[in-house]
C-alpha atoms as a PDB file:
ATOM      1  CA  MET A   1       8.730 -56.286  -8.705  1.00  0.00           C
ATOM      2  CA  PRO A   2       7.336 -53.080  -7.032  1.00  0.00           C
ATOM      3  CA  GLN A   3       7.996 -52.347  -3.226  1.00  0.00           C
ATOM      4  CA  ALA A   4       5.023 -53.483  -0.948  1.00  0.00           C
ATOM      5  CA  LEU A   5       2.993 -50.536   0.067  1.00  0.00           C
ATOM      6  CA  PRO A   6       3.526 -49.336   3.467  1.00  0.00           C
ATOM      7  CA  SER A   7       0.405 -50.328   5.921  1.00  0.00           C
ATOM      8  CA  ASP A   8      -0.667 -46.685   6.407  1.00  0.00           C
ATOM      9  CA  THR A   9      -0.453 -46.043   2.465  1.00  0.00           C
ATOM     10  CA  LEU A  10      -2.549 -49.288   2.086  1.00  0.00           C
ATOM     11  CA  SER A  11      -5.218 -48.250   4.533  1.00  0.00           C
ATOM     12  CA  ARG A  12      -5.436 -44.887   2.632  1.00  0.00           C
ATOM     13  CA  VAL A  13      -5.889 -46.597  -0.529  1.00  0.00           C
ATOM     14  CA  ARG A  14      -8.400 -48.954   0.606  1.00  0.00           C
ATOM     15  CA  ALA A  15     -10.207 -45.983   2.387  1.00  0.00           C
ATOM     16  CA  ILE A  16     -10.513 -44.088  -1.057  1.00  0.00           C
ATOM     17  CA  VAL A  17     -11.808 -47.082  -2.728  1.00  0.00           C
ATOM     18  CA  ALA A  18     -14.485 -47.578   0.063  1.00  0.00           C
ATOM     19  CA  ASP A  19     -15.240 -43.871  -0.248  1.00  0.00           C
ATOM     20  CA  LEU A  20     -15.614 -43.524  -3.915  1.00  0.00           C
ATOM     21  CA  LYS A  21     -16.555 -47.031  -5.254  1.00  0.00           C
ATOM     22  CA  HIS A  22     -20.475 -46.188  -5.491  1.00  0.00           C
ATOM     23  CA  LYS A  23     -19.856 -43.321  -7.701  1.00  0.00           C
ATOM     24  CA  PRO A  24     -20.722 -43.790 -11.447  1.00  0.00           C
ATOM     25  CA  GLY A  25     -17.644 -44.362 -13.404  1.00  0.00           C
ATOM     26  CA  ALA A  26     -16.117 -44.950  -9.790  1.00  0.00           C
ATOM     27  CA  LEU A  27     -12.393 -45.735 -11.459  1.00  0.00           C
ATOM     28  CA  LEU A  28     -11.386 -42.282 -12.643  1.00  0.00           C
ATOM     29  CA  PRO A  29     -12.510 -40.552  -9.367  1.00  0.00           C
ATOM     30  CA  ILE A  30     -10.437 -43.113  -7.342  1.00  0.00           C
ATOM     31  CA  LEU A  31      -7.548 -42.907  -9.340  1.00  0.00           C
ATOM     32  CA  HIS A  32      -7.521 -38.998  -9.062  1.00  0.00           C
ATOM     33  CA  GLU A  33      -7.891 -39.049  -5.432  1.00  0.00           C
ATOM     34  CA  VAL A  34      -5.223 -41.353  -4.631  1.00  0.00           C
ATOM     35  CA  ARG A  35      -2.800 -39.487  -6.989  1.00  0.00           C
ATOM     36  CA  ASP A  36      -3.868 -36.119  -5.157  1.00  0.00           C
ATOM     37  CA  THR A  37      -3.352 -38.008  -1.824  1.00  0.00           C
ATOM     38  CA  LEU A  38      -0.064 -39.738  -2.480  1.00  0.00           C
ATOM     39  CA  GLY A  39       1.183 -37.819  -5.446  1.00  0.00           C
ATOM     40  CA  HIS A  40       1.302 -40.952  -7.831  1.00  0.00           C
ATOM     41  CA  ILE A  41      -0.612 -44.073  -8.155  1.00  0.00           C
ATOM     42  CA  PRO A  42       1.885 -46.924  -6.878  1.00  0.00           C
ATOM     43  CA  GLU A  43       1.892 -50.001  -8.736  1.00  0.00           C
ATOM     44  CA  ASN A  44       0.748 -52.093  -5.692  1.00  0.00           C
ATOM     45  CA  ALA A  45      -2.537 -49.937  -5.478  1.00  0.00           C
ATOM     46  CA  VAL A  46      -3.682 -51.566  -8.660  1.00  0.00           C
ATOM     47  CA  PRO A  47      -4.865 -54.559  -7.001  1.00  0.00           C
ATOM     48  CA  VAL A  48      -6.511 -53.025  -4.165  1.00  0.00           C
ATOM     49  CA  ILE A  49      -8.204 -50.654  -6.579  1.00  0.00           C
ATOM     50  CA  ALA A  50      -9.150 -53.603  -9.103  1.00  0.00           C
ATOM     51  CA  GLU A  51     -10.425 -56.025  -6.127  1.00  0.00           C
ATOM     52  CA  GLY A  52     -12.512 -52.729  -4.554  1.00  0.00           C
ATOM     53  CA  LEU A  53     -14.256 -52.438  -7.975  1.00  0.00           C
ATOM     54  CA  GLN A  54     -14.340 -56.110  -9.096  1.00  0.00           C
ATOM     55  CA  ILE A  55     -12.558 -55.328 -12.142  1.00  0.00           C
ATOM     56  CA  THR A  56      -9.470 -56.537 -13.484  1.00  0.00           C
ATOM     57  CA  ARG A  57      -5.896 -55.414 -13.006  1.00  0.00           C
ATOM     58  CA  ALA A  58      -5.548 -54.764 -16.551  1.00  0.00           C
ATOM     59  CA  GLU A  59      -8.581 -52.656 -16.765  1.00  0.00           C
ATOM     60  CA  VAL A  60      -7.216 -50.373 -13.880  1.00  0.00           C
ATOM     61  CA  HIS A  61      -3.683 -50.549 -15.542  1.00  0.00           C
ATOM     62  CA  GLY A  62      -5.216 -49.608 -19.039  1.00  0.00           C
ATOM     63  CA  VAL A  63      -6.788 -46.314 -17.636  1.00  0.00           C
ATOM     64  CA  ILE A  64      -3.679 -45.301 -15.732  1.00  0.00           C
ATOM     65  CA  SER A  65      -1.378 -45.663 -18.830  1.00  0.00           C
ATOM     66  CA  PHE A  66      -3.905 -44.144 -21.143  1.00  0.00           C
ATOM     67  CA  TYR A  67      -4.203 -40.861 -19.549  1.00  0.00           C
ATOM     68  CA  HIS A  68      -1.321 -38.685 -18.921  1.00  0.00           C
ATOM     69  CA  ASP A  69      -2.544 -37.212 -15.809  1.00  0.00           C
ATOM     70  CA  PHE A  70      -1.879 -40.388 -13.980  1.00  0.00           C
ATOM     71  CA  ASN A  71       1.564 -41.700 -12.946  1.00  0.00           C
ATOM     72  CA  THR A  72       3.014 -44.783 -11.060  1.00  0.00           C
ATOM     73  CA  GLN A  73       6.195 -43.273  -9.903  1.00  0.00           C
ATOM     74  CA  PRO A  74       6.655 -40.090  -7.916  1.00  0.00           C
ATOM     75  CA  ILE A  75       7.114 -36.750  -9.884  1.00  0.00           C
ATOM     76  CA  GLY A  76       8.622 -33.524  -9.542  1.00  0.00           C
ATOM     77  CA  LYS A  77       6.981 -30.281  -7.871  1.00  0.00           C
ATOM     78  CA  HIS A  78       6.206 -28.985 -11.154  1.00  0.00           C
ATOM     79  CA  ARG A  79       4.764 -31.285 -14.062  1.00  0.00           C
ATOM     80  CA  LEU A  80       6.073 -29.543 -17.173  1.00  0.00           C
ATOM     81  CA  GLN A  81       4.579 -30.884 -20.435  1.00  0.00           C
ATOM     82  CA  ILE A  82       5.641 -29.946 -24.040  1.00  0.00           C
ATOM     83  CA  CYS A  83       3.062 -30.302 -26.823  1.00  0.00           C
ATOM     84  CA  ARG A  84       4.514 -32.936 -29.543  1.00  0.00           C
ATOM     85  CA  ALA A  85       1.413 -32.695 -31.916  1.00  0.00           C
ATOM     86  CA  GLU A  86       1.797 -31.673 -35.654  1.00  0.00           C
ATOM     87  CA  ALA A  87       0.642 -28.080 -35.000  1.00  0.00           C
ATOM     88  CA  CYS A  88       3.233 -27.319 -32.273  1.00  0.00           C
ATOM     89  CA  GLN A  89       5.884 -29.176 -34.331  1.00  0.00           C
ATOM     90  CA  ALA A  90       5.187 -26.943 -37.239  1.00  0.00           C
ATOM     91  CA  ARG A  91       5.768 -24.101 -34.837  1.00  0.00           C
ATOM     92  CA  GLY A  92       9.082 -25.102 -33.274  1.00  0.00           C
ATOM     93  CA  SER A  93       8.163 -27.688 -30.567  1.00  0.00           C
ATOM     94  CA  ARG A  94      11.253 -29.917 -31.448  1.00  0.00           C
ATOM     95  CA  GLU A  95      13.546 -27.231 -30.802  1.00  0.00           C
ATOM     96  CA  LEU A  96      11.788 -26.278 -27.632  1.00  0.00           C
ATOM     97  CA  GLU A  97      11.853 -29.963 -26.737  1.00  0.00           C
ATOM     98  CA  HIS A  98      16.020 -30.204 -27.430  1.00  0.00           C
ATOM     99  CA  TYR A  99      16.322 -26.686 -25.433  1.00  0.00           C
ATOM    100  CA  ALA A 100      14.026 -28.077 -22.337  1.00  0.00           C
ATOM    101  CA  ARG A 101      15.960 -31.263 -22.351  1.00  0.00           C
ATOM    102  CA  GLU A 102      19.363 -29.271 -22.068  1.00  0.00           C
ATOM    103  CA  ARG A 103      18.439 -26.823 -19.763  1.00  0.00           C
ATOM    104  CA  LEU A 104      16.520 -29.191 -17.337  1.00  0.00           C
ATOM    105  CA  GLY A 105      19.322 -31.998 -17.713  1.00  0.00           C
ATOM    106  CA  ILE A 106      16.717 -34.514 -17.987  1.00  0.00           C
ATOM    107  CA  ASP A 107      14.796 -36.098 -20.771  1.00  0.00           C
ATOM    108  CA  TYR A 108      10.989 -37.039 -20.980  1.00  0.00           C
ATOM    109  CA  HIS A 109       9.859 -38.996 -17.985  1.00  0.00           C
ATOM    110  CA  GLN A 110      12.542 -37.958 -15.957  1.00  0.00           C
ATOM    111  CA  THR A 111      12.619 -35.598 -12.698  1.00  0.00           C
ATOM    112  CA  THR A 112      15.451 -32.888 -12.206  1.00  0.00           C
ATOM    113  CA  ARG A 113      17.781 -33.615  -9.345  1.00  0.00           C
ATOM    114  CA  ASP A 114      16.438 -31.132  -7.106  1.00  0.00           C
ATOM    115  CA  GLY A 115      12.804 -32.616  -7.564  1.00  0.00           C
ATOM    116  CA  GLU A 116      11.334 -29.550  -8.868  1.00  0.00           C
ATOM    117  CA  PHE A 117      10.604 -30.463 -12.474  1.00  0.00           C
ATOM    118  CA  THR A 118       9.176 -33.634 -14.366  1.00  0.00           C
ATOM    119  CA  LEU A 119       9.437 -33.396 -18.020  1.00  0.00           C
ATOM    120  CA  GLU A 120       6.803 -35.108 -20.060  1.00  0.00           C
ATOM    121  CA  PRO A 121       5.503 -35.164 -23.862  1.00  0.00           C
ATOM    122  CA  VAL A 122       1.751 -34.427 -24.274  1.00  0.00           C
ATOM    123  CA  TYR A 123      -0.186 -34.902 -27.457  1.00  0.00           C
ATOM    124  CA  CYS A 124      -2.164 -31.714 -28.007  1.00  0.00           C
ATOM    125  CA  LEU A 125      -2.702 -29.056 -25.504  1.00  0.00           C
ATOM    126  CA  GLY A 126      -5.955 -27.721 -27.629  1.00  0.00           C
ATOM    127  CA  ASN A 127      -3.526 -24.453 -28.234  1.00  0.00           C
ATOM    128  CA  CYS A 128      -2.650 -25.119 -31.662  1.00  0.00           C
ATOM    129  CA  ALA A 129      -3.003 -21.713 -33.032  1.00  0.00           C
ATOM    130  CA  THR A 130      -0.285 -20.298 -30.690  1.00  0.00           C
ATOM    131  CA  GLY A 131       2.343 -23.122 -30.746  1.00  0.00           C
ATOM    132  CA  PRO A 132       4.763 -24.343 -29.478  1.00  0.00           C
ATOM    133  CA  SER A 133       2.680 -24.773 -26.162  1.00  0.00           C
ATOM    134  CA  VAL A 134       3.801 -25.890 -22.917  1.00  0.00           C
ATOM    135  CA  ARG A 135       1.735 -26.630 -19.591  1.00  0.00           C
ATOM    136  CA  ILE A 136       2.939 -26.425 -16.351  1.00  0.00           C
ATOM    137  CA  GLY A 137       0.347 -27.395 -13.524  1.00  0.00           C
ATOM    138  CA  ASN A 138      -2.818 -26.272 -14.897  1.00  0.00           C
ATOM    139  CA  ARG A 139      -1.643 -23.196 -16.974  1.00  0.00           C
ATOM    140  CA  ILE A 140      -1.031 -23.480 -20.572  1.00  0.00           C
ATOM    141  CA  HIS A 141       1.480 -21.080 -22.240  1.00  0.00           C
ATOM    142  CA  GLY A 142       1.366 -20.474 -26.036  1.00  0.00           C
ATOM    143  CA  ARG A 143       4.533 -19.211 -28.520  1.00  0.00           C
ATOM    144  CA  VAL A 144       6.992 -20.550 -25.894  1.00  0.00           C
ATOM    145  CA  SER A 145      10.638 -19.788 -27.309  1.00  0.00           C
ATOM    146  CA  ALA A 146      13.892 -20.588 -25.157  1.00  0.00           C
ATOM    147  CA  GLU A 147      13.616 -17.084 -23.416  1.00  0.00           C
ATOM    148  CA  ARG A 148       9.828 -17.620 -22.745  1.00  0.00           C
ATOM    149  CA  PHE A 149      10.636 -21.380 -21.251  1.00  0.00           C
ATOM    150  CA  ASP A 150      13.303 -19.882 -19.083  1.00  0.00           C
ATOM    151  CA  ALA A 151      10.580 -17.285 -17.732  1.00  0.00           C
ATOM    152  CA  ILE A 152       8.181 -20.048 -17.381  1.00  0.00           C
ATOM    153  CA  LEU A 153      10.793 -21.868 -15.294  1.00  0.00           C
ATOM    154  CA  ASP A 154      11.586 -18.871 -13.061  1.00  0.00           C
ATOM    155  CA  GLN A 155       8.100 -18.125 -12.339  1.00  0.00           C
ATOM    156  CA  ALA A 156       7.551 -21.492 -11.140  1.00  0.00           C
ATOM    157  CA  LEU A 157      10.263 -21.412  -8.827  1.00  0.00           C
ATOM    158  CA  THR A 158       9.346 -17.890  -7.541  1.00  0.00           C
ATOM    159  CA  VAL A 159       7.163 -18.239  -4.579  1.00  0.00           C
ATOM    160  CA  PRO A 160       5.176 -14.954  -3.518  1.00  0.00           C
ATOM    161  CA  ILE A 161       5.800 -13.882   0.004  1.00  0.00           C
ATOM    162  CA  ASP A 162       2.624 -12.669   1.618  1.00  0.00           C
ATOM    163  CA  LEU A 163       3.944  -9.668   3.634  1.00  0.00           C
ATOM    164  CA  GLU A 164       1.395  -7.663   6.020  1.00  0.00           C
ATOM    165  CA  PRO A 165       1.357  -4.147   4.986  1.00  0.00           C
ATOM    166  CA  LEU A 166       3.444  -1.742   7.058  1.00  0.00           C
ATOM    167  CA  THR A 167       1.597   0.178   9.479  1.00  0.00           C
ATOM    168  CA  GLU A 168       2.743   3.552  11.260  1.00  0.00           C
ATOM    169  CA  GLY A 169       4.047   1.910  14.342  1.00  0.00           C
ATOM    170  CA  ASP A 170       6.151  -0.411  12.475  1.00  0.00           C
ATOM    171  CA  ALA A 171       8.556   2.136  10.705  1.00  0.00           C
END
């Protein structure tokens, strides 16, 4: 049984529902806002959303489970998706999947111990001509080899530092 939502989280979910329930097709905007605010859609938020929209819990759960952008558990800082569609499979995605699971030490729907990456399957990124394809965040990468996969991970972990340019007085 899922844990009860803390009262502040419950209040936030109720406020999101109240703010967005009058929009056409309000369920998707509400789910996106809850996910963006909390990092995921807690299972105990489903009854609050269903009640606010006067729909069944099954309808809310059906939408959450249909779209790969929604998750009911916290995920890593970086959502890493590997395309499993036929075109990418023909170009080596199965080997890439194996490499990714070994490299990260996790399987699909799991998060690395450091909380950096959650690995997910996806069934078409619309980048068929340049498979195998990977999406990390909102960026799609094509022709991903093991070496390129490592470079993508390194890039995700690298945080650019904004430095002020040196002036003559700093030297």
